[in-house]
Amino acid sequence: MIIVTGSVTARPGSFAALREASLAHVHRSRLEDGCLLHSVQIDCENPLRLFFYEQWRDMAALQVHFAQPGSHVLMKAVRELAASSETISIYEANLAGA
């Protein structure tokens, strides 16, 4: 399984639009083959920051996800609406006993 984390901080006044774009991306992504979990949360300590957590079946599924038009739509929204975008982290996890 592949785990992806990342976050983005909205500019003041752009949070609602960034949240909407992020939720649309999450909902699209959940329908993709290989998506086990895809979510976005508002940071309790910084209400302008959105945190993404994803689980993918394998790296091939994640690479297909990154190539989807919907991923490009989100990246365009981030460029237009975010004050900052932290690095995306990708981890490989092996389930014990699997």
PDB file of N, CA and C in Angstrom:
ATOM      1  N   MET A   1       0.849  -1.178   0.000  1.00  0.00           N
ATOM      2  CA  MET A   1       0.000   0.000   0.000  1.00  0.00           C
ATOM      3  C   MET A   1       0.892   1.237   0.000  1.00  0.00           C
ATOM      4  N   ILE A   2       0.424   2.256  -0.684  1.00  0.00           N
ATOM      5  CA  ILE A   2       1.124   3.541  -0.745  1.00  0.00           C
ATOM      6  C   ILE A   2       0.307   4.572   0.037  1.00  0.00           C
ATOM      7  N   ILE A   3       0.972   5.318   0.900  1.00  0.00           N
ATOM      8  CA  ILE A   3       0.339   6.374   1.694  1.00  0.00           C
ATOM      9  C   ILE A   3       0.904   7.710   1.224  1.00  0.00           C
ATOM     10  N   VAL A   4       0.015   8.655   0.987  1.00  0.00           N
ATOM     11  CA  VAL A   4       0.402   9.991   0.540  1.00  0.00           C
ATOM     12  C   VAL A   4      -0.142  11.008   1.534  1.00  0.00           C
ATOM     13  N   THR A   5       0.713  11.948   1.939  1.00  0.00           N
ATOM     14  CA  THR A   5       0.264  13.063   2.775  1.00  0.00           C
ATOM     15  C   THR A   5       0.735  14.363   2.136  1.00  0.00           C
ATOM     16  N   GLY A   6      -0.006  15.403   2.399  1.00  0.00           N
ATOM     17  CA  GLY A   6       0.367  16.721   1.908  1.00  0.00           C
ATOM     18  C   GLY A   6      -0.549  17.765   2.498  1.00  0.00           C
ATOM     19  N   SER A   7      -0.157  19.005   2.373  1.00  0.00           N
ATOM     20  CA  SER A   7      -1.008  20.077   2.885  1.00  0.00           C
ATOM     21  C   SER A   7      -0.831  21.322   2.048  1.00  0.00           C
ATOM     22  N   VAL A   8      -1.809  22.176   2.167  1.00  0.00           N
ATOM     23  CA  VAL A   8      -1.814  23.441   1.447  1.00  0.00           C
ATOM     24  C   VAL A   8      -2.474  24.482   2.355  1.00  0.00           C
ATOM     25  N   THR A   9      -1.936  25.682   2.337  1.00  0.00           N
ATOM     26  CA  THR A   9      -2.486  26.770   3.147  1.00  0.00           C
ATOM     27  C   THR A   9      -3.051  27.833   2.214  1.00  0.00           C
ATOM     28  N   ALA A  10      -4.303  28.154   2.418  1.00  0.00           N
ATOM     29  CA  ALA A  10      -4.995  29.136   1.576  1.00  0.00           C
ATOM     30  C   ALA A  10      -4.566  30.561   1.917  1.00  0.00           C
ATOM     31  N   ARG A  11      -4.640  31.412   0.931  1.00  0.00           N
ATOM     32  CA  ARG A  11      -4.491  32.842   1.186  1.00  0.00           C
ATOM     33  C   ARG A  11      -5.762  33.312   1.900  1.00  0.00           C
ATOM     34  N   PRO A  12      -5.667  34.330   2.750  1.00  0.00           N
ATOM     35  CA  PRO A  12      -6.885  34.858   3.351  1.00  0.00           C
ATOM     36  C   PRO A  12      -7.866  35.257   2.249  1.00  0.00           C
ATOM     37  N   GLY A  13      -9.106  34.886   2.430  1.00  0.00           N
ATOM     38  CA  GLY A  13     -10.142  35.205   1.455  1.00  0.00           C
ATOM     39  C   GLY A  13     -10.318  34.159   0.367  1.00  0.00           C
ATOM     40  N   SER A  14      -9.423  33.178   0.300  1.00  0.00           N
ATOM     41  CA  SER A  14      -9.537  32.156  -0.740  1.00  0.00           C
ATOM     42  C   SER A  14      -9.827  30.767  -0.181  1.00  0.00           C
ATOM     43  N   PHE A  15      -9.999  30.661   1.141  1.00  0.00           N
ATOM     44  CA  PHE A  15     -10.162  29.341   1.751  1.00  0.00           C
ATOM     45  C   PHE A  15     -11.368  28.586   1.200  1.00  0.00           C
ATOM     46  N   ALA A  16     -12.508  29.236   1.093  1.00  0.00           N
ATOM     47  CA  ALA A  16     -13.722  28.540   0.637  1.00  0.00           C
ATOM     48  C   ALA A  16     -13.527  27.951  -0.758  1.00  0.00           C
ATOM     49  N   ALA A  17     -12.930  28.691  -1.650  1.00  0.00           N
ATOM     50  CA  ALA A  17     -12.708  28.195  -3.011  1.00  0.00           C
ATOM     51  C   ALA A  17     -11.704  27.052  -3.018  1.00  0.00           C
ATOM     52  N   LEU A  18     -10.649  27.150  -2.202  1.00  0.00           N
ATOM     53  CA  LEU A  18      -9.654  26.074  -2.140  1.00  0.00           C
ATOM     54  C   LEU A  18     -10.260  24.824  -1.512  1.00  0.00           C
ATOM     55  N   ARG A  19     -11.066  25.001  -0.490  1.00  0.00           N
ATOM     56  CA  ARG A  19     -11.746  23.861   0.143  1.00  0.00           C
ATOM     57  C   ARG A  19     -12.668  23.173  -0.866  1.00  0.00           C
ATOM     58  N   GLU A  20     -13.412  23.946  -1.627  1.00  0.00           N
ATOM     59  CA  GLU A  20     -14.318  23.392  -2.630  1.00  0.00           C
ATOM     60  C   GLU A  20     -13.544  22.603  -3.697  1.00  0.00           C
ATOM     61  N   ALA A  21     -12.456  23.166  -4.182  1.00  0.00           N
ATOM     62  CA  ALA A  21     -11.631  22.471  -5.185  1.00  0.00           C
ATOM     63  C   ALA A  21     -11.038  21.195  -4.598  1.00  0.00           C
ATOM     64  N   SER A  22     -10.623  21.251  -3.340  1.00  0.00           N
ATOM     65  CA  SER A  22     -10.033  20.079  -2.679  1.00  0.00           C
ATOM     66  C   SER A  22     -11.061  18.975  -2.484  1.00  0.00           C
ATOM     67  N   LEU A  23     -12.257  19.340  -2.060  1.00  0.00           N
ATOM     68  CA  LEU A  23     -13.307  18.331  -1.880  1.00  0.00           C
ATOM     69  C   LEU A  23     -13.711  17.703  -3.205  1.00  0.00           C
ATOM     70  N   ALA A  24     -13.797  18.494  -4.258  1.00  0.00           N
ATOM     71  CA  ALA A  24     -14.122  17.952  -5.575  1.00  0.00           C
ATOM     72  C   ALA A  24     -13.053  16.947  -5.995  1.00  0.00           C
ATOM     73  N   HIS A  25     -11.793  17.276  -5.734  1.00  0.00           N
ATOM     74  CA  HIS A  25     -10.687  16.376  -6.067  1.00  0.00           C
ATOM     75  C   HIS A  25     -10.782  15.076  -5.268  1.00  0.00           C
ATOM     76  N   VAL A  26     -11.054  15.191  -3.993  1.00  0.00           N
ATOM     77  CA  VAL A  26     -11.178  14.000  -3.139  1.00  0.00           C
ATOM     78  C   VAL A  26     -12.303  13.103  -3.649  1.00  0.00           C
ATOM     79  N   HIS A  27     -13.446  13.679  -3.956  1.00  0.00           N
ATOM     80  CA  HIS A  27     -14.588  12.883  -4.413  1.00  0.00           C
ATOM     81  C   HIS A  27     -14.306  12.207  -5.749  1.00  0.00           C
ATOM     82  N   ARG A  28     -13.637  12.891  -6.657  1.00  0.00           N
ATOM     83  CA  ARG A  28     -13.227  12.276  -7.938  1.00  0.00           C
ATOM     84  C   ARG A  28     -12.239  11.143  -7.690  1.00  0.00           C
ATOM     85  N   SER A  29     -11.271  11.398  -6.841  1.00  0.00           N
ATOM     86  CA  SER A  29     -10.199  10.428  -6.595  1.00  0.00           C
ATOM     87  C   SER A  29     -10.718   9.136  -5.991  1.00  0.00           C
ATOM     88  N   ARG A  30     -11.702   9.228  -5.140  1.00  0.00           N
ATOM     89  CA  ARG A  30     -12.257   8.029  -4.496  1.00  0.00           C
ATOM     90  C   ARG A  30     -12.841   7.044  -5.505  1.00  0.00           C
ATOM     91  N   LEU A  31     -13.179   7.511  -6.691  1.00  0.00           N
ATOM     92  CA  LEU A  31     -13.756   6.655  -7.725  1.00  0.00           C
ATOM     93  C   LEU A  31     -12.701   5.967  -8.580  1.00  0.00           C
ATOM     94  N   GLU A  32     -11.438   6.353  -8.419  1.00  0.00           N
ATOM     95  CA  GLU A  32     -10.366   5.799  -9.241  1.00  0.00           C
ATOM     96  C   GLU A  32      -9.985   4.392  -8.790  1.00  0.00           C
ATOM     97  N   ASP A  33      -9.623   3.568  -9.770  1.00  0.00           N
ATOM     98  CA  ASP A  33      -9.136   2.226  -9.473  1.00  0.00           C
ATOM     99  C   ASP A  33      -7.867   2.329  -8.629  1.00  0.00           C
ATOM    100  N   GLY A  34      -7.831   1.599  -7.559  1.00  0.00           N
ATOM    101  CA  GLY A  34      -6.652   1.581  -6.694  1.00  0.00           C
ATOM    102  C   GLY A  34      -6.712   2.543  -5.532  1.00  0.00           C
ATOM    103  N   CYS A  35      -7.711   3.423  -5.491  1.00  0.00           N
ATOM    104  CA  CYS A  35      -7.853   4.344  -4.363  1.00  0.00           C
ATOM    105  C   CYS A  35      -8.515   3.599  -3.205  1.00  0.00           C
ATOM    106  N   LEU A  36      -7.799   3.483  -2.106  1.00  0.00           N
ATOM    107  CA  LEU A  36      -8.337   2.830  -0.910  1.00  0.00           C
ATOM    108  C   LEU A  36      -8.951   3.840   0.052  1.00  0.00           C
ATOM    109  N   LEU A  37      -8.372   5.044   0.079  1.00  0.00           N
ATOM    110  CA  LEU A  37      -8.862   6.102   0.964  1.00  0.00           C
ATOM    111  C   LEU A  37      -8.319   7.428   0.440  1.00  0.00           C
ATOM    112  N   HIS A  38      -9.149   8.446   0.461  1.00  0.00           N
ATOM    113  CA  HIS A  38      -8.707   9.778   0.031  1.00  0.00           C
ATOM    114  C   HIS A  38      -9.491  10.786   0.854  1.00  0.00           C
ATOM    115  N   SER A  39      -8.792  11.637   1.593  1.00  0.00           N
ATOM    116  CA  SER A  39      -9.504  12.571   2.458  1.00  0.00           C
ATOM    117  C   SER A  39      -8.766  13.895   2.560  1.00  0.00           C
ATOM    118  N   VAL A  40      -9.496  14.899   2.983  1.00  0.00           N
ATOM    119  CA  VAL A  40      -8.936  16.217   3.257  1.00  0.00           C
ATOM    120  C   VAL A  40      -9.579  16.723   4.547  1.00  0.00           C
ATOM    121  N   GLN A  41      -8.750  17.308   5.420  1.00  0.00           N
ATOM    122  CA  GLN A  41      -9.234  17.831   6.699  1.00  0.00           C
ATOM    123  C   GLN A  41      -8.725  19.251   6.890  1.00  0.00           C
ATOM    124  N   ILE A  42      -9.463  20.004   7.696  1.00  0.00           N
ATOM    125  CA  ILE A  42      -9.039  21.353   8.085  1.00  0.00           C
ATOM    126  C   ILE A  42      -8.168  21.216   9.326  1.00  0.00           C
ATOM    127  N   ASP A  43      -7.022  21.860   9.315  1.00  0.00           N
ATOM    128  CA  ASP A  43      -6.078  21.835  10.435  1.00  0.00           C
ATOM    129  C   ASP A  43      -6.692  22.577  11.630  1.00  0.00           C
ATOM    130  N   CYS A  44      -6.719  21.943  12.793  1.00  0.00           N
ATOM    131  CA  CYS A  44      -7.291  22.557  14.008  1.00  0.00           C
ATOM    132  C   CYS A  44      -6.480  23.754  14.501  1.00  0.00           C
ATOM    133  N   GLU A  45      -5.185  23.778  14.189  1.00  0.00           N
ATOM    134  CA  GLU A  45      -4.339  24.866  14.660  1.00  0.00           C
ATOM    135  C   GLU A  45      -4.208  26.007  13.650  1.00  0.00           C
ATOM    136  N   ASN A  46      -4.519  25.727  12.393  1.00  0.00           N
ATOM    137  CA  ASN A  46      -4.458  26.757  11.359  1.00  0.00           C
ATOM    138  C   ASN A  46      -5.659  26.566  10.439  1.00  0.00           C
ATOM    139  N   PRO A  47      -6.727  27.308  10.651  1.00  0.00           N
ATOM    140  CA  PRO A  47      -7.957  27.099   9.886  1.00  0.00           C
ATOM    141  C   PRO A  47      -7.855  27.443   8.392  1.00  0.00           C
ATOM    142  N   LEU A  48      -6.717  27.937   7.938  1.00  0.00           N
ATOM    143  CA  LEU A  48      -6.518  28.164   6.510  1.00  0.00           C
ATOM    144  C   LEU A  48      -5.766  26.994   5.850  1.00  0.00           C
ATOM    145  N   ARG A  49      -5.370  26.001   6.646  1.00  0.00           N
ATOM    146  CA  ARG A  49      -4.559  24.882   6.150  1.00  0.00           C
ATOM    147  C   ARG A  49      -5.425  23.640   5.960  1.00  0.00           C
ATOM    148  N   LEU A  50      -5.274  23.016   4.800  1.00  0.00           N
ATOM    149  CA  LEU A  50      -5.938  21.753   4.498  1.00  0.00           C
ATOM    150  C   LEU A  50      -4.888  20.647   4.458  1.00  0.00           C
ATOM    151  N   PHE A  51      -5.194  19.515   5.075  1.00  0.00           N
ATOM    152  CA  PHE A  51      -4.283  18.372   5.120  1.00  0.00           C
ATOM    153  C   PHE A  51      -4.899  17.213   4.344  1.00  0.00           C
ATOM    154  N   PHE A  52      -4.133  16.633   3.440  1.00  0.00           N
ATOM    155  CA  PHE A  52      -4.584  15.508   2.627  1.00  0.00           C
ATOM    156  C   PHE A  52      -3.964  14.208   3.129  1.00  0.00           C
ATOM    157  N   TYR A  53      -4.778  13.168   3.171  1.00  0.00           N
ATOM    158  CA  TYR A  53      -4.296  11.828   3.521  1.00  0.00           C
ATOM    159  C   TYR A  53      -4.900  10.852   2.516  1.00  0.00           C
ATOM    160  N   GLU A  54      -4.037  10.052   1.900  1.00  0.00           N
ATOM    161  CA  GLU A  54      -4.485   9.121   0.864  1.00  0.00           C
ATOM    162  C   GLU A  54      -3.842   7.756   1.075  1.00  0.00           C
ATOM    163  N   GLN A  55      -4.564   6.711   0.671  1.00  0.00           N
ATOM    164  CA  GLN A  55      -4.020   5.361   0.615  1.00  0.00           C
ATOM    165  C   GLN A  55      -4.331   4.792  -0.757  1.00  0.00           C
ATOM    166  N   TRP A  56      -3.290   4.244  -1.405  1.00  0.00           N
ATOM    167  CA  TRP A  56      -3.417   3.678  -2.736  1.00  0.00           C
ATOM    168  C   TRP A  56      -2.948   2.227  -2.724  1.00  0.00           C
ATOM    169  N   ARG A  57      -3.550   1.419  -3.571  1.00  0.00           N
ATOM    170  CA  ARG A  57      -3.215   0.000  -3.656  1.00  0.00           C
ATOM    171  C   ARG A  57      -1.727  -0.208  -3.943  1.00  0.00           C
ATOM    172  N   ASP A  58      -1.204   0.573  -4.890  1.00  0.00           N
ATOM    173  CA  ASP A  58       0.195   0.424  -5.286  1.00  0.00           C
ATOM    174  C   ASP A  58       0.658   1.694  -6.011  1.00  0.00           C
ATOM    175  N   MET A  59       1.954   1.739  -6.313  1.00  0.00           N
ATOM    176  CA  MET A  59       2.523   2.926  -6.954  1.00  0.00           C
ATOM    177  C   MET A  59       1.956   3.130  -8.355  1.00  0.00           C
ATOM    178  N   ALA A  60       1.645   2.061  -9.059  1.00  0.00           N
ATOM    179  CA  ALA A  60       1.079   2.196 -10.408  1.00  0.00           C
ATOM    180  C   ALA A  60      -0.250   2.950 -10.355  1.00  0.00           C
ATOM    181  N   ALA A  61      -1.098   2.622  -9.386  1.00  0.00           N
ATOM    182  CA  ALA A  61      -2.384   3.313  -9.249  1.00  0.00           C
ATOM    183  C   ALA A  61      -2.169   4.787  -8.911  1.00  0.00           C
ATOM    184  N   LEU A  62      -1.194   5.077  -8.059  1.00  0.00           N
ATOM    185  CA  LEU A  62      -0.909   6.466  -7.698  1.00  0.00           C
ATOM    186  C   LEU A  62      -0.401   7.245  -8.909  1.00  0.00           C
ATOM    187  N   GLN A  63       0.446   6.637  -9.713  1.00  0.00           N
ATOM    188  CA  GLN A  63       0.963   7.318 -10.903  1.00  0.00           C
ATOM    189  C   GLN A  63      -0.160   7.626 -11.889  1.00  0.00           C
ATOM    190  N   VAL A  64      -1.103   6.714 -12.043  1.00  0.00           N
ATOM    191  CA  VAL A  64      -2.265   6.971 -12.905  1.00  0.00           C
ATOM    192  C   VAL A  64      -3.077   8.129 -12.320  1.00  0.00           C
ATOM    193  N   HIS A  65      -3.241   8.144 -11.009  1.00  0.00           N
ATOM    194  CA  HIS A  65      -3.971   9.225 -10.332  1.00  0.00           C
ATOM    195  C   HIS A  65      -3.333  10.585 -10.614  1.00  0.00           C
ATOM    196  N   PHE A  66      -2.011  10.665 -10.481  1.00  0.00           N
ATOM    197  CA  PHE A  66      -1.325  11.935 -10.704  1.00  0.00           C
ATOM    198  C   PHE A  66      -1.473  12.415 -12.147  1.00  0.00           C
ATOM    199  N   ALA A  67      -1.694  11.496 -13.072  1.00  0.00           N
ATOM    200  CA  ALA A  67      -1.830  11.852 -14.490  1.00  0.00           C
ATOM    201  C   ALA A  67      -3.262  12.232 -14.874  1.00  0.00           C
ATOM    202  N   GLN A  68      -4.226  12.022 -13.980  1.00  0.00           N
ATOM    203  CA  GLN A  68      -5.629  12.313 -14.269  1.00  0.00           C
ATOM    204  C   GLN A  68      -5.858  13.819 -14.436  1.00  0.00           C
ATOM    205  N   PRO A  69      -6.767  14.203 -15.330  1.00  0.00           N
ATOM    206  CA  PRO A  69      -7.095  15.633 -15.488  1.00  0.00           C
ATOM    207  C   PRO A  69      -7.530  16.278 -14.166  1.00  0.00           C
ATOM    208  N   GLY A  70      -8.234  15.539 -13.323  1.00  0.00           N
ATOM    209  CA  GLY A  70      -8.686  16.088 -12.047  1.00  0.00           C
ATOM    210  C   GLY A  70      -7.542  16.489 -11.133  1.00  0.00           C
ATOM    211  N   SER A  71      -6.441  15.749 -11.191  1.00  0.00           N
ATOM    212  CA  SER A  71      -5.268  16.121 -10.395  1.00  0.00           C
ATOM    213  C   SER A  71      -4.678  17.433 -10.896  1.00  0.00           C
ATOM    214  N   HIS A  72      -4.696  17.622 -12.196  1.00  0.00           N
ATOM    215  CA  HIS A  72      -4.193  18.870 -12.775  1.00  0.00           C
ATOM    216  C   HIS A  72      -5.110  20.048 -12.423  1.00  0.00           C
ATOM    217  N   VAL A  73      -6.403  19.799 -12.352  1.00  0.00           N
ATOM    218  CA  VAL A  73      -7.362  20.836 -11.949  1.00  0.00           C
ATOM    219  C   VAL A  73      -7.062  21.291 -10.523  1.00  0.00           C
ATOM    220  N   LEU A  74      -6.812  20.331  -9.628  1.00  0.00           N
ATOM    221  CA  LEU A  74      -6.488  20.704  -8.244  1.00  0.00           C
ATOM    222  C   LEU A  74      -5.188  21.496  -8.189  1.00  0.00           C
ATOM    223  N   MET A  75      -4.175  21.072  -8.902  1.00  0.00           N
ATOM    224  CA  MET A  75      -2.888  21.772  -8.864  1.00  0.00           C
ATOM    225  C   MET A  75      -3.030  23.206  -9.380  1.00  0.00           C
ATOM    226  N   LYS A  76      -3.879  23.420 -10.382  1.00  0.00           N
ATOM    227  CA  LYS A  76      -4.141  24.779 -10.883  1.00  0.00           C
ATOM    228  C   LYS A  76      -4.804  25.624  -9.790  1.00  0.00           C
ATOM    229  N   ALA A  77      -5.775  25.036  -9.086  1.00  0.00           N
ATOM    230  CA  ALA A  77      -6.445  25.756  -7.995  1.00  0.00           C
ATOM    231  C   ALA A  77      -5.461  26.097  -6.885  1.00  0.00           C
ATOM    232  N   VAL A  78      -4.578  25.165  -6.558  1.00  0.00           N
ATOM    233  CA  VAL A  78      -3.572  25.420  -5.521  1.00  0.00           C
ATOM    234  C   VAL A  78      -2.685  26.589  -5.943  1.00  0.00           C
ATOM    235  N   ARG A  79      -2.227  26.588  -7.177  1.00  0.00           N
ATOM    236  CA  ARG A  79      -1.377  27.693  -7.651  1.00  0.00           C
ATOM    237  C   ARG A  79      -2.104  29.036  -7.556  1.00  0.00           C
ATOM    238  N   GLU A  80      -3.397  29.041  -7.823  1.00  0.00           N
ATOM    239  CA  GLU A  80      -4.158  30.289  -7.832  1.00  0.00           C
ATOM    240  C   GLU A  80      -4.601  30.744  -6.444  1.00  0.00           C
ATOM    241  N   LEU A  81      -4.851  29.815  -5.534  1.00  0.00           N
ATOM    242  CA  LEU A  81      -5.511  30.147  -4.274  1.00  0.00           C
ATOM    243  C   LEU A  81      -4.652  29.997  -3.021  1.00  0.00           C
ATOM    244  N   ALA A  82      -3.540  29.315  -3.119  1.00  0.00           N
ATOM    245  CA  ALA A  82      -2.762  28.992  -1.922  1.00  0.00           C
ATOM    246  C   ALA A  82      -1.681  30.024  -1.631  1.00  0.00           C
ATOM    247  N   ALA A  83      -1.457  30.242  -0.345  1.00  0.00           N
ATOM    248  CA  ALA A  83      -0.323  31.044   0.099  1.00  0.00           C
ATOM    249  C   ALA A  83       0.923  30.177   0.117  1.00  0.00           C
ATOM    250  N   SER A  84       0.741  28.877   0.431  1.00  0.00           N
ATOM    251  CA  SER A  84       1.860  27.946   0.434  1.00  0.00           C
ATOM    252  C   SER A  84       1.344  26.532   0.236  1.00  0.00           C
ATOM    253  N   SER A  85       2.223  25.704  -0.276  1.00  0.00           N
ATOM    254  CA  SER A  85       1.912  24.299  -0.489  1.00  0.00           C
ATOM    255  C   SER A  85       3.112  23.504  -0.021  1.00  0.00           C
ATOM    256  N   GLU A  86       2.907  22.670   0.985  1.00  0.00           N
ATOM    257  CA  GLU A  86       4.001  21.892   1.528  1.00  0.00           C
ATOM    258  C   GLU A  86       4.295  20.706   0.621  1.00  0.00           C
ATOM    259  N   THR A  87       5.429  20.121   0.785  1.00  0.00           N
ATOM    260  CA  THR A  87       5.850  18.977  -0.003  1.00  0.00           C
ATOM    261  C   THR A  87       4.913  17.795   0.212  1.00  0.00           C
ATOM    262  N   ILE A  88       4.638  17.092  -0.864  1.00  0.00           N
ATOM    263  CA  ILE A  88       3.874  15.850  -0.775  1.00  0.00           C
ATOM    264  C   ILE A  88       4.829  14.752  -0.323  1.00  0.00           C
ATOM    265  N   SER A  89       4.413  13.958   0.649  1.00  0.00           N
ATOM    266  CA  SER A  89       5.216  12.830   1.120  1.00  0.00           C
ATOM    267  C   SER A  89       4.548  11.538   0.686  1.00  0.00           C
ATOM    268  N   ILE A  90       5.350  10.601   0.223  1.00  0.00           N
ATOM    269  CA  ILE A  90       4.849   9.306  -0.242  1.00  0.00           C
ATOM    270  C   ILE A  90       5.583   8.215   0.518  1.00  0.00           C
ATOM    271  N   TYR A  91       4.814   7.294   1.115  1.00  0.00           N
ATOM    272  CA  TYR A  91       5.367   6.212   1.913  1.00  0.00           C
ATOM    273  C   TYR A  91       4.835   4.875   1.399  1.00  0.00           C
ATOM    274  N   GLU A  92       5.660   3.853   1.487  1.00  0.00           N
ATOM    275  CA  GLU A  92       5.186   2.510   1.186  1.00  0.00           C
ATOM    276  C   GLU A  92       5.001   1.786   2.506  1.00  0.00           C
ATOM    277  N   ALA A  93       3.839   1.168   2.674  1.00  0.00           N
ATOM    278  CA  ALA A  93       3.534   0.466   3.917  1.00  0.00           C
ATOM    279  C   ALA A  93       3.219  -0.991   3.615  1.00  0.00           C
ATOM    280  N   ASN A  94       3.733  -1.867   4.441  1.00  0.00           N
ATOM    281  CA  ASN A  94       3.411  -3.285   4.340  1.00  0.00           C
ATOM    282  C   ASN A  94       2.608  -3.662   5.569  1.00  0.00           C
ATOM    283  N   LEU A  95       1.453  -4.234   5.351  1.00  0.00           N
ATOM    284  CA  LEU A  95       0.607  -4.630   6.460  1.00  0.00           C
ATOM    285  C   LEU A  95       1.154  -5.882   7.107  1.00  0.00           C
ATOM    286  N   ALA A  96       1.270  -5.869   8.419  1.00  0.00           N
ATOM    287  CA  ALA A  96       1.772  -7.026   9.163  1.00  0.00           C
ATOM    288  C   ALA A  96       0.847  -8.209   8.944  1.00  0.00           C
ATOM    289  N   GLY A  97       1.423  -9.345   8.649  1.00  0.00           N
ATOM    290  CA  GLY A  97       0.620 -10.545   8.459  1.00  0.00           C
ATOM    291  C   GLY A  97       0.014 -10.657   7.083  1.00  0.00           C
ATOM    292  N   ALA A  98       0.248  -9.660   6.229  1.00  0.00           N
ATOM    293  CA  ALA A  98      -0.342  -9.703   4.890  1.00  0.00           C
ATOM    294  C   ALA A  98       0.567 -10.411   3.918  1.00  0.00           C
TER     295      ALA A  98
END
